[in-house]
Amino acid sequence: MTMVSCWSEMRNILFKVTYDAAKAALPAILVCLLPVCAGAQSYDLLLKGGHVIDPKNGIDQSMDLGIKGKTIARVARDIPPGEALKVIDVSGLYVVPGLIDPHAHVFFGSDPEKGFNGGASSVSPDAFSFRSGITTIVDAGDAGWRNFPDFRKQVIEQSDTRVLAFINIFGHGLTSGSGIYKMDDIDIDSTLSMVRRYPDDIVGVRIGHFLGKSWVPFEAALKSAQQSNRPLLLECHTPELSLDELLERMRPGDIFTHAFGAVNDRLSILDEEDKIQSYVLEAREQGIVFDVGHGGGSFHYSLAVPASEQGLFPDTFGTDLHRYSMNGGMKDMLNIMSTYLTLGQRLKEVIAGGSWKAAKAIQRSDLGHLDEGGVADIAVLKVEKGNFGYVDSGGNRIDGNKKLNAELTIREGEIVWDQNGLSAKRWQENQ
């Protein structure tokens, strides 16, 4: 019964009966109003009938999820539909924390002289995030201490996606990708000053794409990460610095991206017999985070398949999203996650890598979960069944029968992506 009909009934009773009779009828009238009033006060949005996977809280079962404002108000087996202003039937779908991409390039701009730091090599985060279930995207060091305020003003403040960032140890950030940088562009104090200035935006320090033989940039990045109590992101492409030595110097919680790329500018994670190198196993044991960082040329089945067969799956699914990777084998984060479903990783582990593990990797425990009282960043995913092909950076394909797609994405309680109109009214109902 609607609010209008309840008030209409009360008015009729008051006009037709005596005061005493109306007084006696009042409890019944309140019962009539209770569901409507309670619904208005309980939840703005209710996701009903979905299968919740919340790795942080160990949930992997059918549950309902109620949202109030920007927060998750309740996760329970059965929440009455009458308690919500809007109910969305998500039966047959998976309700998971909003996904986190820990490696992307989003300092986009129009300067033709720049590549990733304000140029056309980077892309707008909102154009690619929500349609893939991503609510948080982390820029992989496009900006350094010299231009991070520009990046913040131009991208972070303008995006609906939550944009975080690793700060580049080089002051001008990631330029053309040539790998040639000036040592006087490194300033630990200025880097730390920028972290202190924007502590909620900068999640760590990045080093990579360095062609020199000096260990100075790596040591400066590591020291900056250490002193700011944040992780180091090693983006490799450091051919003169041996991978085994790099991993040996990294700390637990530091992130090794492009982990499964067969590139000619660094050692492989596999030996000549396709066995995982001992120094890789030691790094994993020490707590180094292994990120995919697929990109346009840094993910190959020649490494990923043998590693998976030996139990080495990625911790996180960084896309290395940029202008040249989005239309290649990488495509998007869900495509990478689907690839690993095909390689034998379990669904709940794949979801963990896309949410809670990624949140821990960037030290943002407020994200990547479905805690009651937590931010309502949510992805509703469908596991499609059929014939699908997944392509690595070398143009090699593997075939699979499962693919993850984002049906619905919610950012701070607001529906920002709705693939098939689950939240929309049928057209006939509006006529």
Protein backbone atom coordinates (compact mmCIF):
# COMPACT_ATOMS: atom_id res chain seq x y z
CA MET A 1 0.00 0.00 0.00
CA THR A 2 1.38 3.44 -0.92
CA MET A 3 1.72 6.46 1.34
CA VAL A 4 -1.07 8.21 -0.57
CA SER A 5 -3.51 5.35 -0.11
CA CYS A 6 -2.68 5.09 3.59
CA TRP A 7 -3.42 8.76 4.20
CA SER A 8 -6.61 8.46 2.13
CA GLU A 9 -7.78 5.60 4.30
CA MET A 10 -7.04 7.53 7.47
CA ARG A 11 -8.98 10.55 6.17
CA ASN A 12 -12.03 8.41 5.35
CA ILE A 13 -11.99 6.80 8.77
CA LEU A 14 -11.76 10.12 10.57
CA PHE A 15 -14.72 11.50 8.63
CA LYS A 16 -16.98 8.45 8.96
CA VAL A 17 -16.58 7.36 12.53
CA THR A 18 -16.68 8.97 15.93
CA TYR A 19 -13.59 10.20 17.68
CA ASP A 20 -13.45 7.10 19.87
CA ALA A 21 -13.78 4.81 16.88
CA ALA A 22 -11.08 6.70 15.03
CA LYS A 23 -8.86 6.47 18.09
CA ALA A 24 -9.42 2.72 18.19
CA ALA A 25 -8.60 2.47 14.51
CA LEU A 26 -5.34 4.39 14.86
CA PRO A 27 -3.10 1.34 15.49
CA ALA A 28 -4.32 -0.24 12.27
CA ILE A 29 -3.58 2.97 10.38
CA LEU A 30 -0.06 3.06 11.81
CA VAL A 31 0.46 -0.54 10.74
CA CYS A 32 -0.58 0.55 7.25
CA LEU A 33 1.99 3.35 7.27
CA LEU A 34 4.83 1.43 8.91
CA PRO A 35 6.26 -0.39 5.86
CA VAL A 36 6.37 2.81 3.83
CA CYS A 37 7.89 4.90 6.59
CA ALA A 38 10.38 2.20 7.53
CA GLY A 39 11.38 1.78 3.90
CA ALA A 40 12.09 5.49 3.57
CA GLN A 41 14.32 5.37 6.64
CA SER A 42 16.20 2.13 6.02
CA TYR A 43 17.82 1.86 2.57
CA ASP A 44 18.01 3.96 -0.56
CA LEU A 45 19.00 0.95 -2.66
CA LEU A 46 18.70 -2.78 -2.16
CA LEU A 47 20.57 -5.36 -4.21
CA LYS A 48 18.38 -8.44 -3.87
CA GLY A 49 19.16 -12.10 -4.48
CA GLY A 50 22.79 -11.86 -5.62
CA HIS A 51 25.75 -14.06 -4.72
CA VAL A 52 28.05 -11.95 -2.55
CA ILE A 53 31.80 -12.52 -2.70
CA ASP A 54 33.61 -10.43 -0.11
CA PRO A 55 37.12 -11.87 0.38
CA LYS A 56 37.98 -9.66 3.35
CA ASN A 57 35.02 -10.92 5.36
CA GLY A 58 35.05 -14.49 4.03
CA ILE A 59 31.61 -14.20 2.43
CA ASP A 60 30.87 -16.42 -0.57
CA GLN A 61 27.12 -17.04 -0.63
CA SER A 62 23.71 -15.67 -1.58
CA MET A 63 22.99 -12.48 0.37
CA ASP A 64 21.22 -9.13 0.05
CA LEU A 65 22.95 -5.78 0.34
CA GLY A 66 21.34 -2.53 1.48
CA ILE A 67 22.79 0.91 0.74
CA LYS A 68 22.03 4.15 2.56
CA GLY A 69 23.55 7.30 1.15
CA LYS A 70 27.19 6.64 0.32
CA THR A 71 27.62 3.68 2.64
CA ILE A 72 26.80 0.00 2.89
CA ALA A 73 24.15 -0.20 5.60
CA ARG A 74 23.54 -3.94 5.80
CA VAL A 75 24.60 -7.29 4.32
CA ALA A 76 22.23 -10.08 5.26
CA ARG A 77 20.61 -13.25 3.96
CA ASP A 78 17.19 -11.68 3.47
CA ILE A 79 16.39 -7.97 3.59
CA PRO A 80 12.66 -7.24 3.03
CA PRO A 81 12.10 -5.32 -0.23
CA GLY A 82 9.68 -2.97 1.56
CA GLU A 83 12.56 -1.49 3.53
CA ALA A 84 14.16 0.08 0.45
CA LEU A 85 13.22 2.95 -1.82
CA LYS A 86 14.63 1.10 -4.83
CA VAL A 87 15.13 -2.64 -5.25
CA ILE A 88 17.29 -4.21 -7.97
CA ASP A 89 16.99 -7.92 -8.63
CA VAL A 90 20.53 -9.25 -9.09
CA SER A 91 19.66 -12.94 -8.97
CA GLY A 92 22.18 -15.06 -10.85
CA LEU A 93 24.84 -12.35 -10.56
CA TYR A 94 27.85 -11.81 -8.30
CA VAL A 95 27.94 -8.83 -5.95
CA VAL A 96 31.55 -7.93 -5.16
CA PRO A 97 33.53 -4.94 -3.86
CA GLY A 98 34.23 -2.22 -6.41
CA LEU A 99 37.31 -3.30 -8.32
CA ILE A 100 40.70 -1.59 -7.93
CA ASP A 101 43.12 -1.24 -10.84
CA PRO A 102 46.55 -0.68 -9.22
CA HIS A 103 48.40 0.12 -12.46
CA ALA A 104 47.08 2.54 -15.07
CA HIS A 105 48.15 5.68 -16.90
CA VAL A 106 45.55 8.42 -16.62
CA PHE A 107 47.45 11.74 -16.64
CA PHE A 108 45.88 12.53 -20.00
CA GLY A 109 46.18 15.83 -21.82
CA SER A 110 46.61 17.51 -25.15
CA ASP A 111 50.28 18.49 -25.13
CA PRO A 112 51.80 16.86 -28.24
CA GLU A 113 55.28 17.04 -26.73
CA LYS A 114 54.35 14.86 -23.79
CA GLY A 115 53.61 11.16 -23.63
CA PHE A 116 52.12 9.98 -20.35
CA ASN A 117 52.45 13.07 -18.17
CA GLY A 118 49.83 15.32 -19.69
CA GLY A 119 49.94 13.92 -23.20
CA ALA A 120 47.94 11.62 -25.44
CA SER A 121 49.50 8.33 -24.29
CA SER A 122 47.44 8.37 -21.10
CA VAL A 123 43.64 8.08 -21.06
CA SER A 124 40.69 9.51 -19.15
CA PRO A 125 39.85 7.19 -16.22
CA ASP A 126 36.06 7.63 -16.41
CA ALA A 127 36.06 6.41 -20.01
CA PHE A 128 37.28 2.95 -18.96
CA SER A 129 36.68 2.36 -15.26
CA PHE A 130 32.99 1.95 -14.48
CA ARG A 131 32.18 -0.23 -17.49
CA SER A 132 34.71 -2.72 -16.09
CA GLY A 133 33.42 -2.68 -12.51
CA ILE A 134 36.34 -0.47 -11.42
CA THR A 135 35.64 2.21 -8.83
CA THR A 136 39.27 3.01 -7.94
CA ILE A 137 42.12 3.43 -10.39
CA VAL A 138 45.77 4.04 -9.48
CA ASP A 139 48.02 6.00 -11.78
CA ALA A 140 51.44 4.34 -12.10
CA GLY A 141 53.73 7.33 -11.71
CA ASP A 142 52.86 9.56 -14.64
CA ALA A 143 53.53 12.59 -12.43
CA GLY A 144 56.52 13.43 -10.26
CA TRP A 145 57.13 16.03 -7.58
CA ARG A 146 57.32 18.83 -10.16
CA ASN A 147 53.91 18.27 -11.76
CA PHE A 148 51.81 16.25 -9.32
CA PRO A 149 49.65 19.31 -8.42
CA ASP A 150 48.83 19.67 -12.13
CA PHE A 151 47.85 16.01 -12.31
CA ARG A 152 45.67 16.37 -9.24
CA LYS A 153 43.89 19.43 -10.57
CA GLN A 154 43.51 18.10 -14.11
CA VAL A 155 42.58 14.46 -13.41
CA ILE A 156 41.93 13.58 -9.76
CA GLU A 157 39.61 16.50 -9.06
CA GLN A 158 37.79 16.16 -12.40
CA SER A 159 37.09 12.40 -12.29
CA ASP A 160 34.09 10.53 -10.94
CA THR A 161 36.35 7.51 -10.57
CA ARG A 162 38.40 7.54 -7.39
CA VAL A 163 41.89 8.28 -8.73
CA LEU A 164 44.95 7.57 -6.58
CA ALA A 165 48.58 7.60 -7.67
CA PHE A 166 52.14 6.44 -7.28
CA ILE A 167 54.47 9.41 -7.51
CA ASN A 168 57.39 9.07 -9.90
CA ILE A 169 60.85 9.42 -8.38
CA PHE A 170 61.76 11.62 -11.34
CA GLY A 171 60.34 15.12 -10.91
CA HIS A 172 58.85 15.44 -14.39
CA GLY A 173 57.23 12.00 -14.19
CA LEU A 174 56.89 9.51 -17.02
CA THR A 175 57.79 11.39 -20.18
CA SER A 176 58.09 9.83 -23.63
CA GLY A 177 59.09 6.41 -22.35
CA SER A 178 62.59 6.78 -23.77
CA GLY A 179 64.06 5.76 -20.46
CA ILE A 180 66.52 8.65 -20.50
CA TYR A 181 66.27 10.80 -17.37
CA LYS A 182 68.47 13.38 -15.68
CA MET A 183 69.76 12.56 -12.22
CA ASP A 184 69.17 16.13 -11.05
CA ASP A 185 65.44 15.50 -11.56
CA ILE A 186 65.55 13.25 -8.47
CA ASP A 187 64.85 14.97 -5.16
CA ILE A 188 63.87 12.79 -2.20
CA ASP A 189 62.92 15.73 0.01
CA SER A 190 60.65 17.23 -2.66
CA THR A 191 59.07 13.84 -3.27
CA LEU A 192 58.38 13.36 0.44
CA SER A 193 57.04 16.91 0.67
CA MET A 194 54.54 16.13 -2.09
CA VAL A 195 53.44 12.94 -0.29
CA ARG A 196 52.88 14.92 2.90
CA ARG A 197 50.95 17.54 0.95
CA TYR A 198 48.62 14.98 -0.67
CA PRO A 199 48.59 11.97 1.70
CA ASP A 200 45.13 10.83 0.61
CA ASP A 201 46.06 10.79 -3.07
CA ILE A 202 49.60 9.37 -3.20
CA VAL A 203 49.78 5.69 -2.31
CA GLY A 204 53.44 5.00 -3.07
CA VAL A 205 56.58 5.75 -5.08
CA ARG A 206 57.37 4.47 -8.55
CA ILE A 207 60.56 3.60 -10.43
CA GLY A 208 60.78 2.20 -13.95
CA HIS A 209 61.60 2.78 -17.60
CA PHE A 210 65.16 3.68 -16.65
CA LEU A 211 67.88 2.67 -19.10
CA GLY A 212 70.89 3.80 -17.10
CA LYS A 213 73.31 1.66 -15.11
CA SER A 214 73.11 3.69 -11.90
CA TRP A 215 71.29 2.35 -8.85
CA VAL A 216 70.65 5.91 -7.67
CA PRO A 217 67.05 6.19 -8.99
CA PHE A 218 66.02 2.85 -7.50
CA GLU A 219 67.64 3.59 -4.15
CA ALA A 220 66.05 7.06 -4.08
CA ALA A 221 62.62 5.62 -4.86
CA LEU A 222 63.05 2.91 -2.24
CA LYS A 223 64.18 5.45 0.37
CA SER A 224 61.25 7.74 -0.44
CA ALA A 225 58.82 4.84 -0.13
CA GLN A 226 60.43 3.75 3.11
CA GLN A 227 60.36 7.19 4.72
CA SER A 228 56.76 7.80 3.66
CA ASN A 229 55.64 4.35 4.89
CA ARG A 230 54.30 3.48 1.45
CA PRO A 231 55.02 0.74 -1.07
CA LEU A 232 57.48 0.94 -3.92
CA LEU A 233 56.14 0.18 -7.39
CA LEU A 234 58.82 -1.41 -9.57
CA GLU A 235 57.69 -1.08 -13.17
CA CYS A 236 60.81 -2.79 -14.51
CA HIS A 237 62.19 -1.89 -17.92
CA THR A 238 65.47 -1.40 -16.07
CA PRO A 239 67.78 -3.51 -18.26
CA GLU A 240 71.02 -2.55 -16.54
CA LEU A 241 69.69 -3.47 -13.10
CA SER A 242 69.38 -7.20 -12.51
CA LEU A 243 65.90 -8.45 -11.53
CA ASP A 244 67.24 -10.78 -8.86
CA GLU A 245 69.07 -7.89 -7.18
CA LEU A 246 66.04 -5.63 -7.49
CA LEU A 247 63.73 -8.17 -5.86
CA GLU A 248 66.30 -8.85 -3.16
CA ARG A 249 66.40 -5.17 -2.19
CA MET A 250 62.63 -4.71 -2.18
CA ARG A 251 60.64 -4.88 1.05
CA PRO A 252 57.54 -6.92 1.98
CA GLY A 253 54.56 -5.10 0.50
CA ASP A 254 56.49 -3.54 -2.37
CA ILE A 255 54.94 -4.22 -5.77
CA PHE A 256 56.57 -5.95 -8.75
CA THR A 257 54.48 -5.19 -11.84
CA HIS A 258 54.81 -6.65 -15.37
CA ALA A 259 55.56 -9.83 -13.41
CA PHE A 260 54.55 -12.17 -16.22
CA GLY A 261 56.06 -10.37 -19.19
CA ALA A 262 58.70 -11.99 -21.39
CA VAL A 263 60.58 -8.80 -22.18
CA ASN A 264 64.12 -8.49 -23.46
CA ASP A 265 65.22 -5.85 -20.98
CA ARG A 266 65.20 -7.97 -17.84
CA LEU A 267 65.66 -11.48 -16.48
CA SER A 268 62.77 -13.92 -16.72
CA ILE A 269 60.87 -15.23 -13.71
CA LEU A 270 61.45 -18.73 -15.19
CA ASP A 271 64.68 -20.62 -15.77
CA GLU A 272 65.64 -22.44 -18.97
CA GLU A 273 63.47 -25.41 -17.97
CA ASP A 274 60.44 -23.19 -17.34
CA LYS A 275 60.74 -23.60 -13.60
CA ILE A 276 60.14 -20.60 -11.36
CA GLN A 277 63.43 -18.98 -10.43
CA SER A 278 64.49 -19.42 -6.81
CA TYR A 279 64.82 -15.66 -6.31
CA VAL A 280 61.22 -15.22 -7.50
CA LEU A 281 59.96 -17.80 -5.01
CA GLU A 282 61.97 -16.11 -2.26
CA ALA A 283 60.52 -12.71 -3.15
CA ARG A 284 57.00 -14.12 -3.06
CA GLU A 285 57.71 -15.76 0.27
CA GLN A 286 59.01 -12.43 1.61
CA GLY A 287 55.74 -10.71 0.72
CA ILE A 288 56.57 -8.95 -2.54
CA VAL A 289 53.29 -8.27 -4.40
CA PHE A 290 53.15 -9.71 -7.95
CA ASP A 291 51.03 -7.58 -10.26
CA VAL A 292 50.07 -8.45 -13.85
CA GLY A 293 50.59 -5.04 -15.48
CA HIS A 294 49.46 -6.49 -18.81
CA GLY A 295 49.82 -3.37 -20.95
CA GLY A 296 50.65 -3.57 -24.62
CA GLY A 297 53.79 -5.69 -24.34
CA SER A 298 54.26 -7.07 -20.83
CA PHE A 299 52.12 -10.19 -20.47
CA HIS A 300 53.03 -13.46 -22.17
CA TYR A 301 51.67 -16.98 -21.89
CA SER A 302 55.19 -18.36 -22.16
CA LEU A 303 55.60 -17.17 -18.56
CA ALA A 304 52.03 -16.96 -17.27
CA VAL A 305 51.00 -20.52 -18.16
CA PRO A 306 54.01 -22.36 -16.62
CA ALA A 307 53.87 -20.06 -13.59
CA SER A 308 50.15 -20.80 -13.10
CA GLU A 309 50.74 -24.53 -13.44
CA GLN A 310 53.31 -24.22 -10.63
CA GLY A 311 50.88 -22.28 -8.45
CA LEU A 312 52.24 -18.76 -9.07
CA PHE A 313 49.17 -16.64 -9.74
CA PRO A 314 49.19 -12.84 -9.59
CA ASP A 315 48.25 -11.04 -6.40
CA THR A 316 46.67 -8.15 -8.31
CA PHE A 317 45.42 -7.46 -11.83
CA GLY A 318 46.89 -4.13 -12.83
CA THR A 319 46.00 -3.37 -16.43
CA ASP A 320 48.76 -0.94 -17.44
CA LEU A 321 45.93 0.87 -19.17
CA HIS A 322 47.05 3.40 -21.77
CA ARG A 323 46.32 4.48 -25.31
CA TYR A 324 48.21 1.56 -26.86
CA SER A 325 47.03 -1.28 -24.61
CA MET A 326 43.26 -0.76 -24.43
CA ASN A 327 42.57 -2.04 -27.95
CA GLY A 328 45.09 -4.89 -27.86
CA GLY A 329 45.11 -8.15 -25.97
CA MET A 330 44.67 -6.41 -22.61
CA LYS A 331 41.27 -4.76 -23.33
CA ASP A 332 40.26 -4.18 -19.70
CA MET A 333 40.69 -5.47 -16.16
CA LEU A 334 37.82 -7.96 -16.36
CA ASN A 335 39.40 -9.44 -19.46
CA ILE A 336 42.61 -10.06 -17.52
CA MET A 337 40.67 -11.56 -14.61
CA SER A 338 38.78 -13.79 -17.06
CA THR A 339 42.11 -14.90 -18.51
CA TYR A 340 43.15 -16.13 -15.10
CA LEU A 341 39.85 -17.92 -14.61
CA THR A 342 40.78 -19.77 -17.82
CA LEU A 343 44.27 -20.46 -16.44
CA GLY A 344 42.74 -22.20 -13.42
CA GLN A 345 42.53 -19.56 -10.70
CA ARG A 346 39.36 -19.87 -8.61
CA LEU A 347 36.69 -17.20 -8.93
CA LYS A 348 36.88 -16.02 -5.32
CA GLU A 349 40.68 -15.68 -5.63
CA VAL A 350 40.29 -13.70 -8.82
CA ILE A 351 37.78 -11.41 -7.09
CA ALA A 352 40.18 -11.04 -4.16
CA GLY A 353 42.96 -9.96 -6.51
CA GLY A 354 40.67 -7.36 -8.04
CA SER A 355 39.49 -5.98 -4.71
CA TRP A 356 40.78 -6.71 -1.21
CA LYS A 357 44.33 -7.76 -2.19
CA ALA A 358 44.64 -4.65 -4.34
CA ALA A 359 43.37 -2.49 -1.49
CA LYS A 360 45.95 -3.96 0.87
CA ALA A 361 48.69 -3.52 -1.73
CA ILE A 362 48.06 0.25 -1.82
CA GLN A 363 47.44 0.40 1.94
CA ARG A 364 43.81 1.47 1.60
CA SER A 365 41.95 -0.78 4.01
CA ASP A 366 38.89 1.45 3.63
CA LEU A 367 38.42 0.02 0.13
CA GLY A 368 38.02 -3.39 -1.49
CA HIS A 369 35.42 -4.87 0.85
CA LEU A 370 31.72 -4.83 1.72
CA ASP A 371 31.89 -3.92 5.40
CA GLU A 372 28.70 -2.54 6.89
CA GLY A 373 29.41 1.14 7.37
CA GLY A 374 32.00 1.09 4.58
CA VAL A 375 31.89 3.06 1.36
CA ALA A 376 29.32 1.72 -1.12
CA ASP A 377 31.71 0.96 -3.98
CA ILE A 378 30.24 -2.17 -5.55
CA ALA A 379 30.46 -4.15 -8.77
CA VAL A 380 27.76 -6.56 -9.91
CA LEU A 381 29.33 -9.10 -12.23
CA LYS A 382 28.03 -11.80 -14.53
CA VAL A 383 29.95 -14.92 -15.46
CA GLU A 384 29.11 -15.42 -19.12
CA LYS A 385 29.27 -18.98 -20.50
CA GLY A 386 30.37 -19.54 -24.08
CA ASN A 387 33.44 -19.57 -26.30
CA PHE A 388 35.97 -16.81 -25.63
CA GLY A 389 39.51 -16.06 -26.73
CA TYR A 390 42.15 -14.36 -24.61
CA VAL A 391 45.22 -12.86 -26.25
CA ASP A 392 48.59 -12.07 -24.69
CA SER A 393 51.04 -9.35 -25.69
CA GLY A 394 52.66 -11.61 -28.25
CA GLY A 395 49.47 -12.24 -30.18
CA ASN A 396 48.96 -15.74 -28.76
CA ARG A 397 45.44 -16.92 -27.86
CA ILE A 398 44.04 -19.35 -25.34
CA ASP A 399 40.40 -20.41 -25.42
CA GLY A 400 38.07 -20.35 -22.46
CA ASN A 401 34.40 -20.93 -21.66
CA LYS A 402 33.90 -18.23 -18.99
CA LYS A 403 34.06 -14.45 -19.12
CA LEU A 404 33.39 -11.80 -16.49
CA ASN A 405 31.26 -8.81 -17.46
CA ALA A 406 30.11 -5.84 -15.38
CA GLU A 407 26.34 -5.57 -15.21
CA LEU A 408 26.24 -2.79 -12.63
CA THR A 409 28.79 -0.51 -10.99
CA ILE A 410 28.04 1.60 -7.92
CA ARG A 411 30.35 4.37 -6.73
CA GLU A 412 29.64 5.81 -3.28
CA GLY A 413 26.02 4.64 -3.48
CA GLU A 414 25.37 6.05 -6.96
CA ILE A 415 24.76 3.81 -9.99
CA VAL A 416 27.41 4.84 -12.50
CA TRP A 417 27.21 1.91 -14.93
CA ASP A 418 24.19 -0.21 -15.85
CA GLN A 419 24.92 -2.52 -18.77
CA ASN A 420 21.41 -3.85 -19.30
CA GLY A 421 19.24 -1.38 -17.43
CA LEU A 422 18.77 -3.43 -14.26
CA SER A 423 17.99 -0.26 -12.36
CA ALA A 424 15.71 1.24 -15.03
CA LYS A 425 11.94 0.99 -15.30
CA ARG A 426 10.44 -0.85 -18.24
CA TRP A 427 9.26 1.59 -20.88
CA GLN A 428 5.65 0.36 -20.69
CA GLU A 429 5.51 1.19 -16.99
CA ASN A 430 6.16 4.86 -17.74
CA GLN A 431 3.29 5.29 -20.19
